[in-house]
mmCIF file of all heavy atoms, coordinates in Angstrom:
data_MODEL
# 
_entry.id   MODEL 
# 
loop_
_atom_site.group_PDB 
_atom_site.id 
_atom_site.type_symbol 
_atom_site.label_atom_id 
_atom_site.label_alt_id 
_atom_site.label_comp_id 
_atom_site.label_asym_id 
_atom_site.label_entity_id 
_atom_site.label_seq_id 
_atom_site.pdbx_PDB_ins_code 
_atom_site.Cartn_x 
_atom_site.Cartn_y 
_atom_site.Cartn_z 
_atom_site.occupancy 
_atom_site.B_iso_or_equiv 
_atom_site.pdbx_formal_charge 
_atom_site.auth_seq_id 
_atom_site.auth_comp_id 
_atom_site.auth_asym_id 
_atom_site.auth_atom_id 
_atom_site.pdbx_PDB_model_num 
ATOM 1   N N   . PRO A 1 1  ? 7.461   4.727  22.035 1.00 0.00 ? 1  PRO A N   1 
ATOM 2   C CA  . PRO A 1 1  ? 8.548   4.463  22.988 1.00 0.00 ? 1  PRO A CA  1 
ATOM 3   C C   . PRO A 1 1  ? 8.521   3.052  23.578 1.00 0.00 ? 1  PRO A C   1 
ATOM 4   O O   . PRO A 1 1  ? 9.567   2.488  23.869 1.00 0.00 ? 1  PRO A O   1 
ATOM 5   C CB  . PRO A 1 1  ? 8.333   5.513  24.078 1.00 0.00 ? 1  PRO A CB  1 
ATOM 6   C CG  . PRO A 1 1  ? 7.606   6.617  23.401 1.00 0.00 ? 1  PRO A CG  1 
ATOM 7   C CD  . PRO A 1 1  ? 6.729   5.945  22.377 1.00 0.00 ? 1  PRO A CD  1 
ATOM 8   N N   . ASP A 1 2  ? 7.332   2.448  23.731 1.00 0.00 ? 2  ASP A N   1 
ATOM 9   C CA  . ASP A 1 2  ? 7.261   1.099  24.283 1.00 0.00 ? 2  ASP A CA  1 
ATOM 10  C C   . ASP A 1 2  ? 7.590   0.022  23.246 1.00 0.00 ? 2  ASP A C   1 
ATOM 11  O O   . ASP A 1 2  ? 7.712   -1.154 23.575 1.00 0.00 ? 2  ASP A O   1 
ATOM 12  C CB  . ASP A 1 2  ? 5.900   0.824  24.913 1.00 0.00 ? 2  ASP A CB  1 
ATOM 13  C CG  . ASP A 1 2  ? 4.753   0.862  23.909 1.00 0.00 ? 2  ASP A CG  1 
ATOM 14  O OD1 . ASP A 1 2  ? 5.005   0.983  22.697 1.00 0.00 ? 2  ASP A OD1 1 
ATOM 15  O OD2 . ASP A 1 2  ? 3.601   0.778  24.352 1.00 0.00 ? 2  ASP A OD2 1 
ATOM 16  N N   . GLY A 1 3  ? 7.741   0.406  21.990 1.00 0.00 ? 3  GLY A N   1 
ATOM 17  C CA  . GLY A 1 3  ? 8.114   -0.530 20.936 1.00 0.00 ? 3  GLY A CA  1 
ATOM 18  C C   . GLY A 1 3  ? 6.993   -1.446 20.486 1.00 0.00 ? 3  GLY A C   1 
ATOM 19  O O   . GLY A 1 3  ? 7.214   -2.354 19.701 1.00 0.00 ? 3  GLY A O   1 
ATOM 20  N N   . LYS A 1 4  ? 5.763   -1.208 20.953 1.00 0.00 ? 4  LYS A N   1 
ATOM 21  C CA  . LYS A 1 4  ? 4.661   -2.100 20.627 1.00 0.00 ? 4  LYS A CA  1 
ATOM 22  C C   . LYS A 1 4  ? 3.717   -1.547 19.567 1.00 0.00 ? 4  LYS A C   1 
ATOM 23  O O   . LYS A 1 4  ? 2.872   -2.260 19.060 1.00 0.00 ? 4  LYS A O   1 
ATOM 24  C CB  . LYS A 1 4  ? 3.857   -2.414 21.890 1.00 0.00 ? 4  LYS A CB  1 
ATOM 25  C CG  . LYS A 1 4  ? 4.671   -3.181 22.906 1.00 0.00 ? 4  LYS A CG  1 
ATOM 26  C CD  . LYS A 1 4  ? 3.854   -3.499 24.126 1.00 0.00 ? 4  LYS A CD  1 
ATOM 27  C CE  . LYS A 1 4  ? 4.722   -4.257 25.130 1.00 0.00 ? 4  LYS A CE  1 
ATOM 28  N NZ  . LYS A 1 4  ? 3.969   -4.615 26.323 1.00 0.00 ? 4  LYS A NZ  1 
ATOM 29  N N   . ARG A 1 5  ? 3.853   -0.272 19.242 1.00 0.00 ? 5  ARG A N   1 
ATOM 30  C CA  . ARG A 1 5  ? 2.965   0.350  18.266 1.00 0.00 ? 5  ARG A CA  1 
ATOM 31  C C   . ARG A 1 5  ? 3.782   1.161  17.275 1.00 0.00 ? 5  ARG A C   1 
ATOM 32  O O   . ARG A 1 5  ? 4.884   1.589  17.584 1.00 0.00 ? 5  ARG A O   1 
ATOM 33  C CB  . ARG A 1 5  ? 1.962   1.262  18.967 1.00 0.00 ? 5  ARG A CB  1 
ATOM 34  C CG  . ARG A 1 5  ? 0.985   0.495  19.842 1.00 0.00 ? 5  ARG A CG  1 
ATOM 35  C CD  . ARG A 1 5  ? 0.274   1.407  20.782 1.00 0.00 ? 5  ARG A CD  1 
ATOM 36  N NE  . ARG A 1 5  ? 1.289   1.848  21.757 1.00 0.00 ? 5  ARG A NE  1 
ATOM 37  C CZ  . ARG A 1 5  ? 1.197   2.937  22.486 1.00 0.00 ? 5  ARG A CZ  1 
ATOM 38  N NH1 . ARG A 1 5  ? 0.162   3.718  22.367 1.00 0.00 ? 5  ARG A NH1 1 
ATOM 39  N NH2 . ARG A 1 5  ? 2.130   3.267  23.330 1.00 0.00 ? 5  ARG A NH2 1 
ATOM 40  N N   . ILE A 1 6  ? 3.191   1.362  16.105 1.00 0.00 ? 6  ILE A N   1 
ATOM 41  C CA  . ILE A 1 6  ? 3.851   2.149  15.064 1.00 0.00 ? 6  ILE A CA  1 
ATOM 42  C C   . ILE A 1 6  ? 2.809   3.045  14.404 1.00 0.00 ? 6  ILE A C   1 
ATOM 43  O O   . ILE A 1 6  ? 1.652   2.664  14.271 1.00 0.00 ? 6  ILE A O   1 
ATOM 44  C CB  . ILE A 1 6  ? 4.530   1.229  14.015 1.00 0.00 ? 6  ILE A CB  1 
ATOM 45  C CG1 . ILE A 1 6  ? 5.385   2.047  13.048 1.00 0.00 ? 6  ILE A CG1 1 
ATOM 46  C CG2 . ILE A 1 6  ? 3.520   0.390  13.288 1.00 0.00 ? 6  ILE A CG2 1 
ATOM 47  C CD1 . ILE A 1 6  ? 6.253   1.213  12.153 1.00 0.00 ? 6  ILE A CD1 1 
ATOM 48  N N   . ALA A 1 7  ? 3.224   4.230  14.055 1.00 0.00 ? 7  ALA A N   1 
ATOM 49  C CA  . ALA A 1 7  ? 2.394   5.130  13.258 1.00 0.00 ? 7  ALA A CA  1 
ATOM 50  C C   . ALA A 1 7  ? 3.077   5.234  11.902 1.00 0.00 ? 7  ALA A C   1 
ATOM 51  O O   . ALA A 1 7  ? 4.270   5.517  11.821 1.00 0.00 ? 7  ALA A O   1 
ATOM 52  C CB  . ALA A 1 7  ? 2.290   6.502  13.907 1.00 0.00 ? 7  ALA A CB  1 
ATOM 53  N N   . ALA A 1 8  ? 2.322   4.957  10.839 1.00 0.00 ? 8  ALA A N   1 
ATOM 54  C CA  . ALA A 1 8  ? 2.906   4.958  9.500  1.00 0.00 ? 8  ALA A CA  1 
ATOM 55  C C   . ALA A 1 8  ? 1.978   5.670  8.531  1.00 0.00 ? 8  ALA A C   1 
ATOM 56  O O   . ALA A 1 8  ? 0.763   5.569  8.641  1.00 0.00 ? 8  ALA A O   1 
ATOM 57  C CB  . ALA A 1 8  ? 3.150   3.529  9.022  1.00 0.00 ? 8  ALA A CB  1 
ATOM 58  N N   . LEU A 1 9  ? 2.566   6.403  7.595  1.00 0.00 ? 9  LEU A N   1 
ATOM 59  C CA  . LEU A 1 9  ? 1.796   7.044  6.532  1.00 0.00 ? 9  LEU A CA  1 
ATOM 60  C C   . LEU A 1 9  ? 1.632   6.037  5.402  1.00 0.00 ? 9  LEU A C   1 
ATOM 61  O O   . LEU A 1 9  ? 2.604   5.590  4.814  1.00 0.00 ? 9  LEU A O   1 
ATOM 62  C CB  . LEU A 1 9  ? 2.520   8.290  6.025  1.00 0.00 ? 9  LEU A CB  1 
ATOM 63  C CG  . LEU A 1 9  ? 2.720   9.393  7.052  1.00 0.00 ? 9  LEU A CG  1 
ATOM 64  C CD1 . LEU A 1 9  ? 3.569   10.501 6.461  1.00 0.00 ? 9  LEU A CD1 1 
ATOM 65  C CD2 . LEU A 1 9  ? 1.392   9.933  7.516  1.00 0.00 ? 9  LEU A CD2 1 
ATOM 66  N N   . MET A 1 10 ? 0.369   5.663  5.156  1.00 0.00 ? 10 MET A N   1 
ATOM 67  C CA  . MET A 1 10 ? 0.077   4.682  4.120  1.00 0.00 ? 10 MET A CA  1 
ATOM 68  C C   . MET A 1 10 ? -0.510  5.408  2.913  1.00 0.00 ? 10 MET A C   1 
ATOM 69  O O   . MET A 1 10 ? -1.166  6.442  3.064  1.00 0.00 ? 10 MET A O   1 
ATOM 70  C CB  . MET A 1 10 ? -0.923  3.645  4.639  1.00 0.00 ? 10 MET A CB  1 
ATOM 71  C CG  . MET A 1 10 ? -0.467  2.938  5.918  1.00 0.00 ? 10 MET A CG  1 
ATOM 72  S SD  . MET A 1 10 ? 1.067   2.028  5.740  1.00 0.00 ? 10 MET A SD  1 
ATOM 73  C CE  . MET A 1 10 ? 0.508   0.605  4.863  1.00 0.00 ? 10 MET A CE  1 
ATOM 74  N N   . PRO A 1 11 ? -0.298  4.881  1.722  1.00 0.00 ? 11 PRO A N   1 
ATOM 75  C CA  . PRO A 1 11 ? -0.864  5.529  0.535  1.00 0.00 ? 11 PRO A CA  1 
ATOM 76  C C   . PRO A 1 11 ? -2.383  5.405  0.514  1.00 0.00 ? 11 PRO A C   1 
ATOM 77  O O   . PRO A 1 11 ? -2.953  4.529  1.169  1.00 0.00 ? 11 PRO A O   1 
ATOM 78  C CB  . PRO A 1 11 ? -0.231  4.763  -0.623 1.00 0.00 ? 11 PRO A CB  1 
ATOM 79  C CG  . PRO A 1 11 ? 0.149   3.451  -0.053 1.00 0.00 ? 11 PRO A CG  1 
ATOM 80  C CD  . PRO A 1 11 ? 0.450   3.683  1.393  1.00 0.00 ? 11 PRO A CD  1 
ATOM 81  N N   . ALA A 1 12 ? -3.030  6.272  -0.238 1.00 0.00 ? 12 ALA A N   1 
ATOM 82  C CA  . ALA A 1 12 ? -4.484  6.237  -0.382 1.00 0.00 ? 12 ALA A CA  1 
ATOM 83  C C   . ALA A 1 12 ? -4.900  4.933  -1.054 1.00 0.00 ? 12 ALA A C   1 
ATOM 84  O O   . ALA A 1 12 ? -4.147  4.337  -1.824 1.00 0.00 ? 12 ALA A O   1 
ATOM 85  C CB  . ALA A 1 12 ? -4.946  7.435  -1.197 1.00 0.00 ? 12 ALA A CB  1 
ATOM 86  N N   . GLU A 1 13 ? -6.128  4.492  -0.779 1.00 0.00 ? 13 GLU A N   1 
ATOM 87  C CA  . GLU A 1 13 ? -6.623  3.221  -1.314 1.00 0.00 ? 13 GLU A CA  1 
ATOM 88  C C   . GLU A 1 13 ? -6.884  3.259  -2.809 1.00 0.00 ? 13 GLU A C   1 
ATOM 89  O O   . GLU A 1 13 ? -6.561  2.343  -3.522 1.00 0.00 ? 13 GLU A O   1 
ATOM 90  C CB  . GLU A 1 13 ? -7.906  2.823  -0.586 1.00 0.00 ? 13 GLU A CB  1 
ATOM 91  C CG  . GLU A 1 13 ? -7.690  2.424  0.846  1.00 0.00 ? 13 GLU A CG  1 
ATOM 92  C CD  . GLU A 1 13 ? -6.923  1.126  0.989  1.00 0.00 ? 13 GLU A CD  1 
ATOM 93  O OE1 . GLU A 1 13 ? -7.047  0.244  0.129  1.00 0.00 ? 13 GLU A OE1 1 
ATOM 94  O OE2 . GLU A 1 13 ? -6.170  1.009  1.969  1.00 0.00 ? 13 GLU A OE2 1 
ATOM 95  N N   . GLY A 1 14 ? -7.533  4.322  -3.289 1.00 0.00 ? 14 GLY A N   1 
ATOM 96  C CA  . GLY A 1 14 ? -7.896  4.373  -4.703 1.00 0.00 ? 14 GLY A CA  1 
ATOM 97  C C   . GLY A 1 14 ? -7.500  5.682  -5.339 1.00 0.00 ? 14 GLY A C   1 
ATOM 98  O O   . GLY A 1 14 ? -7.100  6.615  -4.656 1.00 0.00 ? 14 GLY A O   1 
ATOM 99  N N   . PRO A 1 15 ? -7.597  5.780  -6.658 1.00 0.00 ? 15 PRO A N   1 
ATOM 100 C CA  . PRO A 1 15 ? -7.200  7.004  -7.358 1.00 0.00 ? 15 PRO A CA  1 
ATOM 101 C C   . PRO A 1 15 ? -7.963  8.242  -6.892 1.00 0.00 ? 15 PRO A C   1 
ATOM 102 O O   . PRO A 1 15 ? -7.414  9.325  -6.818 1.00 0.00 ? 15 PRO A O   1 
ATOM 103 C CB  . PRO A 1 15 ? -7.506  6.720  -8.822 1.00 0.00 ? 15 PRO A CB  1 
ATOM 104 C CG  . PRO A 1 15 ? -7.750  5.268  -8.929 1.00 0.00 ? 15 PRO A CG  1 
ATOM 105 C CD  . PRO A 1 15 ? -8.072  4.756  -7.563 1.00 0.00 ? 15 PRO A CD  1 
ATOM 106 N N   . GLU A 1 16 ? -9.257  8.064  -6.531 1.00 0.00 ? 16 GLU A N   1 
ATOM 107 C CA  . GLU A 1 16 ? -10.040 9.223  -6.091 1.00 0.00 ? 16 GLU A CA  1 
ATOM 108 C C   . GLU A 1 16 ? -9.566  9.749  -4.739 1.00 0.00 ? 16 GLU A C   1 
ATOM 109 O O   . GLU A 1 16 ? -9.733  10.911 -4.430 1.00 0.00 ? 16 GLU A O   1 
ATOM 110 C CB  . GLU A 1 16 ? -11.533 8.884  -6.037 1.00 0.00 ? 16 GLU A CB  1 
ATOM 111 C CG  . GLU A 1 16 ? -11.919 7.848  -4.988 1.00 0.00 ? 16 GLU A CG  1 
ATOM 112 C CD  . GLU A 1 16 ? -11.656 6.397  -5.410 1.00 0.00 ? 16 GLU A CD  1 
ATOM 113 O OE1 . GLU A 1 16 ? -11.340 6.154  -6.564 1.00 0.00 ? 16 GLU A OE1 1 
ATOM 114 O OE2 . GLU A 1 16 ? -11.774 5.525  -4.544 1.00 0.00 ? 16 GLU A OE2 1 
ATOM 115 N N   . ASP A 1 17 ? -8.976  8.874  -3.916 1.00 0.00 ? 17 ASP A N   1 
ATOM 116 C CA  . ASP A 1 17 ? -8.488  9.284  -2.597 1.00 0.00 ? 17 ASP A CA  1 
ATOM 117 C C   . ASP A 1 17 ? -7.139  10.005 -2.669 1.00 0.00 ? 17 ASP A C   1 
ATOM 118 O O   . ASP A 1 17 ? -6.757  10.687 -1.746 1.00 0.00 ? 17 ASP A O   1 
ATOM 119 C CB  . ASP A 1 17 ? -8.342  8.068  -1.684 1.00 0.00 ? 17 ASP A CB  1 
ATOM 120 C CG  . ASP A 1 17 ? -9.664  7.385  -1.413 1.00 0.00 ? 17 ASP A CG  1 
ATOM 121 O OD1 . ASP A 1 17 ? -10.690 8.097  -1.398 1.00 0.00 ? 17 ASP A OD1 1 
ATOM 122 O OD2 . ASP A 1 17 ? -9.674  6.159  -1.235 1.00 0.00 ? 17 ASP A OD2 1 
ATOM 123 N N   . GLN A 1 18 ? -6.409  9.851  -3.738 1.00 0.00 ? 18 GLN A N   1 
ATOM 124 C CA  . GLN A 1 18 ? -5.068  10.399 -3.820 1.00 0.00 ? 18 GLN A CA  1 
ATOM 125 C C   . GLN A 1 18 ? -5.047  11.902 -4.034 1.00 0.00 ? 18 GLN A C   1 
ATOM 126 O O   . GLN A 1 18 ? -4.014  12.521 -3.901 1.00 0.00 ? 18 GLN A O   1 
ATOM 127 C CB  . GLN A 1 18 ? -4.287  9.685  -4.911 1.00 0.00 ? 18 GLN A CB  1 
ATOM 128 C CG  . GLN A 1 18 ? -4.040  8.238  -4.541 1.00 0.00 ? 18 GLN A CG  1 
ATOM 129 C CD  . GLN A 1 18 ? -3.108  7.547  -5.507 1.00 0.00 ? 18 GLN A CD  1 
ATOM 130 O OE1 . GLN A 1 18 ? -2.484  8.188  -6.324 1.00 0.00 ? 18 GLN A OE1 1 
ATOM 131 N NE2 . GLN A 1 18 ? -3.022  6.245  -5.401 1.00 0.00 ? 18 GLN A NE2 1 
ATOM 132 N N   . LYS A 1 19 ? -6.170  12.514 -4.333 1.00 0.00 ? 19 LYS A N   1 
ATOM 133 C CA  . LYS A 1 19 ? -6.220  13.959 -4.528 1.00 0.00 ? 19 LYS A CA  1 
ATOM 134 C C   . LYS A 1 19 ? -5.938  14.705 -3.226 1.00 0.00 ? 19 LYS A C   1 
ATOM 135 O O   . LYS A 1 19 ? -5.422  15.792 -3.242 1.00 0.00 ? 19 LYS A O   1 
ATOM 136 C CB  . LYS A 1 19 ? -7.583  14.368 -5.069 1.00 0.00 ? 19 LYS A CB  1 
ATOM 137 C CG  . LYS A 1 19 ? -7.880  13.831 -6.440 1.00 0.00 ? 19 LYS A CG  1 
ATOM 138 C CD  . LYS A 1 19 ? -9.287  14.166 -6.856 1.00 0.00 ? 19 LYS A CD  1 
ATOM 139 C CE  . LYS A 1 19 ? -9.637  13.458 -8.140 1.00 0.00 ? 19 LYS A CE  1 
ATOM 140 N NZ  . LYS A 1 19 ? -11.053 13.554 -8.432 1.00 0.00 ? 19 LYS A NZ  1 
ATOM 141 N N   . ALA A 1 20 ? -6.279  14.124 -2.087 1.00 0.00 ? 20 ALA A N   1 
ATOM 142 C CA  . ALA A 1 20 ? -6.166  14.800 -0.791 1.00 0.00 ? 20 ALA A CA  1 
ATOM 143 C C   . ALA A 1 20 ? -4.866  14.469 -0.061 1.00 0.00 ? 20 ALA A C   1 
ATOM 144 O O   . ALA A 1 20 ? -4.752  14.710 1.119  1.00 0.00 ? 20 ALA A O   1 
ATOM 145 C CB  . ALA A 1 20 ? -7.352  14.436 0.084  1.00 0.00 ? 20 ALA A CB  1 
ATOM 146 N N   . GLN A 1 21 ? -3.866  13.932 -0.722 1.00 0.00 ? 21 GLN A N   1 
ATOM 147 C CA  . GLN A 1 21 ? -2.626  13.562 -0.051 1.00 0.00 ? 21 GLN A CA  1 
ATOM 148 C C   . GLN A 1 21 ? -1.822  14.769 0.403  1.00 0.00 ? 21 GLN A C   1 
ATOM 149 O O   . GLN A 1 21 ? -0.879  14.623 1.152  1.00 0.00 ? 21 GLN A O   1 
ATOM 150 C CB  . GLN A 1 21 ? -1.767  12.681 -0.943 1.00 0.00 ? 21 GLN A CB  1 
ATOM 151 C CG  . GLN A 1 21 ? -2.256  11.262 -0.987 1.00 0.00 ? 21 GLN A CG  1 
ATOM 152 C CD  . GLN A 1 21 ? -1.254  10.378 -1.684 1.00 0.00 ? 21 GLN A CD  1 
ATOM 153 O OE1 . GLN A 1 21 ? -0.352  10.845 -2.361 1.00 0.00 ? 21 GLN A OE1 1 
ATOM 154 N NE2 . GLN A 1 21 ? -1.408  9.093  -1.532 1.00 0.00 ? 21 GLN A NE2 1 
ATOM 155 N N   . ASN A 1 22 ? -2.172  15.951 -0.027 1.00 0.00 ? 22 ASN A N   1 
ATOM 156 C CA  . ASN A 1 22 ? -1.427  17.139 0.368  1.00 0.00 ? 22 ASN A CA  1 
ATOM 157 C C   . ASN A 1 22 ? -2.079  17.833 1.566  1.00 0.00 ? 22 ASN A C   1 
ATOM 158 O O   . ASN A 1 22 ? -1.746  18.953 1.886  1.00 0.00 ? 22 ASN A O   1 
ATOM 159 C CB  . ASN A 1 22 ? -1.301  18.115 -0.802 1.00 0.00 ? 22 ASN A CB  1 
ATOM 160 C CG  . ASN A 1 22 ? -2.665  18.578 -1.293 1.00 0.00 ? 22 ASN A CG  1 
ATOM 161 O OD1 . ASN A 1 22 ? -3.682  18.041 -0.901 1.00 0.00 ? 22 ASN A OD1 1 
ATOM 162 N ND2 . ASN A 1 22 ? -2.676  19.561 -2.170 1.00 0.00 ? 22 ASN A ND2 1 
ATOM 163 N N   . GLN A 1 23 ? -3.011  17.182 2.232  1.00 0.00 ? 23 GLN A N   1 
ATOM 164 C CA  . GLN A 1 23 ? -3.701  17.772 3.382  1.00 0.00 ? 23 GLN A CA  1 
ATOM 165 C C   . GLN A 1 23 ? -3.166  17.159 4.667  1.00 0.00 ? 23 GLN A C   1 
ATOM 166 O O   . GLN A 1 23 ? -3.023  15.948 4.784  1.00 0.00 ? 23 GLN A O   1 
ATOM 167 C CB  . GLN A 1 23 ? -5.197  17.514 3.288  1.00 0.00 ? 23 GLN A CB  1 
ATOM 168 C CG  . GLN A 1 23 ? -5.966  18.117 4.433  1.00 0.00 ? 23 GLN A CG  1 
ATOM 169 C CD  . GLN A 1 23 ? -7.458  17.870 4.302  1.00 0.00 ? 23 GLN A CD  1 
ATOM 170 O OE1 . GLN A 1 23 ? -7.899  17.106 3.460  1.00 0.00 ? 23 GLN A OE1 1 
ATOM 171 N NE2 . GLN A 1 23 ? -8.223  18.499 5.138  1.00 0.00 ? 23 GLN A NE2 1 
ATOM 172 N N   . VAL A 1 24 ? -2.851  18.010 5.643  1.00 0.00 ? 24 VAL A N   1 
ATOM 173 C CA  . VAL A 1 24 ? -2.370  17.567 6.945  1.00 0.00 ? 24 VAL A CA  1 
ATOM 174 C C   . VAL A 1 24 ? -3.246  18.203 8.007  1.00 0.00 ? 24 VAL A C   1 
ATOM 175 O O   . VAL A 1 24 ? -3.572  19.386 7.922  1.00 0.00 ? 24 VAL A O   1 
ATOM 176 C CB  . VAL A 1 24 ? -0.896  17.989 7.171  1.00 0.00 ? 24 VAL A CB  1 
ATOM 177 C CG1 . VAL A 1 24 ? -0.430  17.596 8.558  1.00 0.00 ? 24 VAL A CG1 1 
ATOM 178 C CG2 . VAL A 1 24 ? -0.013  17.380 6.107  1.00 0.00 ? 24 VAL A CG2 1 
ATOM 179 N N   . ILE A 1 25 ? -3.641  17.428 8.994  1.00 0.00 ? 25 ILE A N   1 
ATOM 180 C CA  . ILE A 1 25 ? -4.438  17.943 10.105 1.00 0.00 ? 25 ILE A CA  1 
ATOM 181 C C   . ILE A 1 25 ? -3.605  17.852 11.369 1.00 0.00 ? 25 ILE A C   1 
ATOM 182 O O   . ILE A 1 25 ? -3.110  16.778 11.715 1.00 0.00 ? 25 ILE A O   1 
ATOM 183 C CB  . ILE A 1 25 ? -5.748  17.148 10.268 1.00 0.00 ? 25 ILE A CB  1 
ATOM 184 C CG1 . ILE A 1 25 ? -6.583  17.269 9.007  1.00 0.00 ? 25 ILE A CG1 1 
ATOM 185 C CG2 . ILE A 1 25 ? -6.512  17.609 11.507 1.00 0.00 ? 25 ILE A CG2 1 
ATOM 186 C CD1 . ILE A 1 25 ? -7.799  16.378 8.980  1.00 0.00 ? 25 ILE A CD1 1 
ATOM 187 N N   . PHE A 1 26 ? -3.420  18.971 12.059 1.00 0.00 ? 26 PHE A N   1 
ATOM 188 C CA  . PHE A 1 26 ? -2.671  19.014 13.310 1.00 0.00 ? 26 PHE A CA  1 
ATOM 189 C C   . PHE A 1 26 ? -3.649  19.173 14.469 1.00 0.00 ? 26 PHE A C   1 
ATOM 190 O O   . PHE A 1 26 ? -4.535  20.025 14.421 1.00 0.00 ? 26 PHE A O   1 
ATOM 191 C CB  . PHE A 1 26 ? -1.695  20.199 13.339 1.00 0.00 ? 26 PHE A CB  1 
ATOM 192 C CG  . PHE A 1 26 ? -0.524  20.026 12.435 1.00 0.00 ? 26 PHE A CG  1 
ATOM 193 C CD1 . PHE A 1 26 ? -0.520  20.614 11.182 1.00 0.00 ? 26 PHE A CD1 1 
ATOM 194 C CD2 . PHE A 1 26 ? 0.567   19.280 12.831 1.00 0.00 ? 26 PHE A CD2 1 
ATOM 195 C CE1 . PHE A 1 26 ? 0.560   20.466 10.338 1.00 0.00 ? 26 PHE A CE1 1 
ATOM 196 C CE2 . PHE A 1 26 ? 1.653   19.121 11.991 1.00 0.00 ? 26 PHE A CE2 1 
ATOM 197 C CZ  . PHE A 1 26 ? 1.649   19.714 10.746 1.00 0.00 ? 26 PHE A CZ  1 
ATOM 198 N N   . LEU A 1 27 ? -3.492  18.366 15.479 1.00 0.00 ? 27 LEU A N   1 
ATOM 199 C CA  . LEU A 1 27 ? -4.273  18.510 16.702 1.00 0.00 ? 27 LEU A CA  1 
ATOM 200 C C   . LEU A 1 27 ? -3.357  19.129 17.747 1.00 0.00 ? 27 LEU A C   1 
ATOM 201 O O   . LEU A 1 27 ? -2.402  18.505 18.185 1.00 0.00 ? 27 LEU A O   1 
ATOM 202 C CB  . LEU A 1 27 ? -4.776  17.153 17.197 1.00 0.00 ? 27 LEU A CB  1 
ATOM 203 C CG  . LEU A 1 27 ? -5.777  16.454 16.313 1.00 0.00 ? 27 LEU A CG  1 
ATOM 204 C CD1 . LEU A 1 27 ? -6.102  15.074 16.857 1.00 0.00 ? 27 LEU A CD1 1 
ATOM 205 C CD2 . LEU A 1 27 ? -7.051  17.276 16.208 1.00 0.00 ? 27 LEU A CD2 1 
ATOM 206 N N   . GLN A 1 28 ? -3.646  20.347 18.110 1.00 0.00 ? 28 GLN A N   1 
ATOM 207 C CA  . GLN A 1 28 ? -2.846  21.029 19.125 1.00 0.00 ? 28 GLN A CA  1 
ATOM 208 C C   . GLN A 1 28 ? -3.667  21.120 20.395 1.00 0.00 ? 28 GLN A C   1 
ATOM 209 O O   . GLN A 1 28 ? -4.874  21.361 20.356 1.00 0.00 ? 28 GLN A O   1 
ATOM 210 C CB  . GLN A 1 28 ? -2.446  22.422 18.667 1.00 0.00 ? 28 GLN A CB  1 
ATOM 211 C CG  . GLN A 1 28 ? -1.505  22.400 17.488 1.00 0.00 ? 28 GLN A CG  1 
ATOM 212 C CD  . GLN A 1 28 ? -1.104  23.794 17.083 1.00 0.00 ? 28 GLN A CD  1 
ATOM 213 O OE1 . GLN A 1 28 ? -1.888  24.724 17.160 1.00 0.00 ? 28 GLN A OE1 1 
ATOM 214 N NE2 . GLN A 1 28 ? 0.134   23.943 16.645 1.00 0.00 ? 28 GLN A NE2 1 
ATOM 215 N N   . ASN A 1 29 ? -2.996  20.928 21.501 1.00 0.00 ? 29 ASN A N   1 
ATOM 216 C CA  . ASN A 1 29 ? -3.641  21.019 22.816 1.00 0.00 ? 29 ASN A CA  1 
ATOM 217 C C   . ASN A 1 29 ? -4.842  20.092 22.915 1.00 0.00 ? 29 ASN A C   1 
ATOM 218 O O   . ASN A 1 29 ? -5.865  20.442 23.505 1.00 0.00 ? 29 ASN A O   1 
ATOM 219 C CB  . ASN A 1 29 ? -4.055  22.469 23.111 1.00 0.00 ? 29 ASN A CB  1 
ATOM 220 C CG  . ASN A 1 29 ? -2.886  23.418 23.007 1.00 0.00 ? 29 ASN A CG  1 
ATOM 221 O OD1 . ASN A 1 29 ? -1.790  23.088 23.436 1.00 0.00 ? 29 ASN A OD1 1 
ATOM 222 N ND2 . ASN A 1 29 ? -3.113  24.571 22.429 1.00 0.00 ? 29 ASN A ND2 1 
ATOM 223 N N   . PHE A 1 30 ? -4.722  18.909 22.369 1.00 0.00 ? 30 PHE A N   1 
ATOM 224 C CA  . PHE A 1 30 ? -5.829  17.962 22.345 1.00 0.00 ? 30 PHE A CA  1 
ATOM 225 C C   . PHE A 1 30 ? -6.317  17.620 23.757 1.00 0.00 ? 30 PHE A C   1 
ATOM 226 O O   . PHE A 1 30 ? -7.505  17.671 24.050 1.00 0.00 ? 30 PHE A O   1 
ATOM 227 C CB  . PHE A 1 30 ? -5.423  16.685 21.612 1.00 0.00 ? 30 PHE A CB  1 
ATOM 228 C CG  . PHE A 1 30 ? -6.461  15.596 21.663 1.00 0.00 ? 30 PHE A CG  1 
ATOM 229 C CD1 . PHE A 1 30 ? -7.597  15.674 20.882 1.00 0.00 ? 30 PHE A CD1 1 
ATOM 230 C CD2 . PHE A 1 30 ? -6.297  14.512 22.503 1.00 0.00 ? 30 PHE A CD2 1 
ATOM 231 C CE1 . PHE A 1 30 ? -8.560  14.681 20.928 1.00 0.00 ? 30 PHE A CE1 1 
ATOM 232 C CE2 . PHE A 1 30 ? -7.259  13.516 22.557 1.00 0.00 ? 30 PHE A CE2 1 
ATOM 233 C CZ  . PHE A 1 30 ? -8.385  13.599 21.763 1.00 0.00 ? 30 PHE A CZ  1 
ATOM 234 N N   . PHE A 1 31 ? -5.382  17.278 24.655 1.00 0.00 ? 31 PHE A N   1 
ATOM 235 C CA  . PHE A 1 31 ? -5.787  16.884 25.998 1.00 0.00 ? 31 PHE A CA  1 
ATOM 236 C C   . PHE A 1 31 ? -6.341  18.057 26.793 1.00 0.00 ? 31 PHE A C   1 
ATOM 237 O O   . PHE A 1 31 ? -7.213  17.887 27.639 1.00 0.00 ? 31 PHE A O   1 
ATOM 238 C CB  . PHE A 1 31 ? -4.631  16.203 26.722 1.00 0.00 ? 31 PHE A CB  1 
ATOM 239 C CG  . PHE A 1 31 ? -4.320  14.854 26.130 1.00 0.00 ? 31 PHE A CG  1 
ATOM 240 C CD1 . PHE A 1 31 ? -3.155  14.646 25.412 1.00 0.00 ? 31 PHE A CD1 1 
ATOM 241 C CD2 . PHE A 1 31 ? -5.204  13.798 26.274 1.00 0.00 ? 31 PHE A CD2 1 
ATOM 242 C CE1 . PHE A 1 31 ? -2.882  13.419 24.853 1.00 0.00 ? 31 PHE A CE1 1 
ATOM 243 C CE2 . PHE A 1 31 ? -4.939  12.558 25.708 1.00 0.00 ? 31 PHE A CE2 1 
ATOM 244 C CZ  . PHE A 1 31 ? -3.774  12.370 25.011 1.00 0.00 ? 31 PHE A CZ  1 
# 
């Protein structure tokens, strides 16, 4: 909202890292 930061989904660095692209972690009630 302040326009100073961005969250972006970046591709994995190497071929071995691309296997886990279908995994999502949700943090609920973190605070």
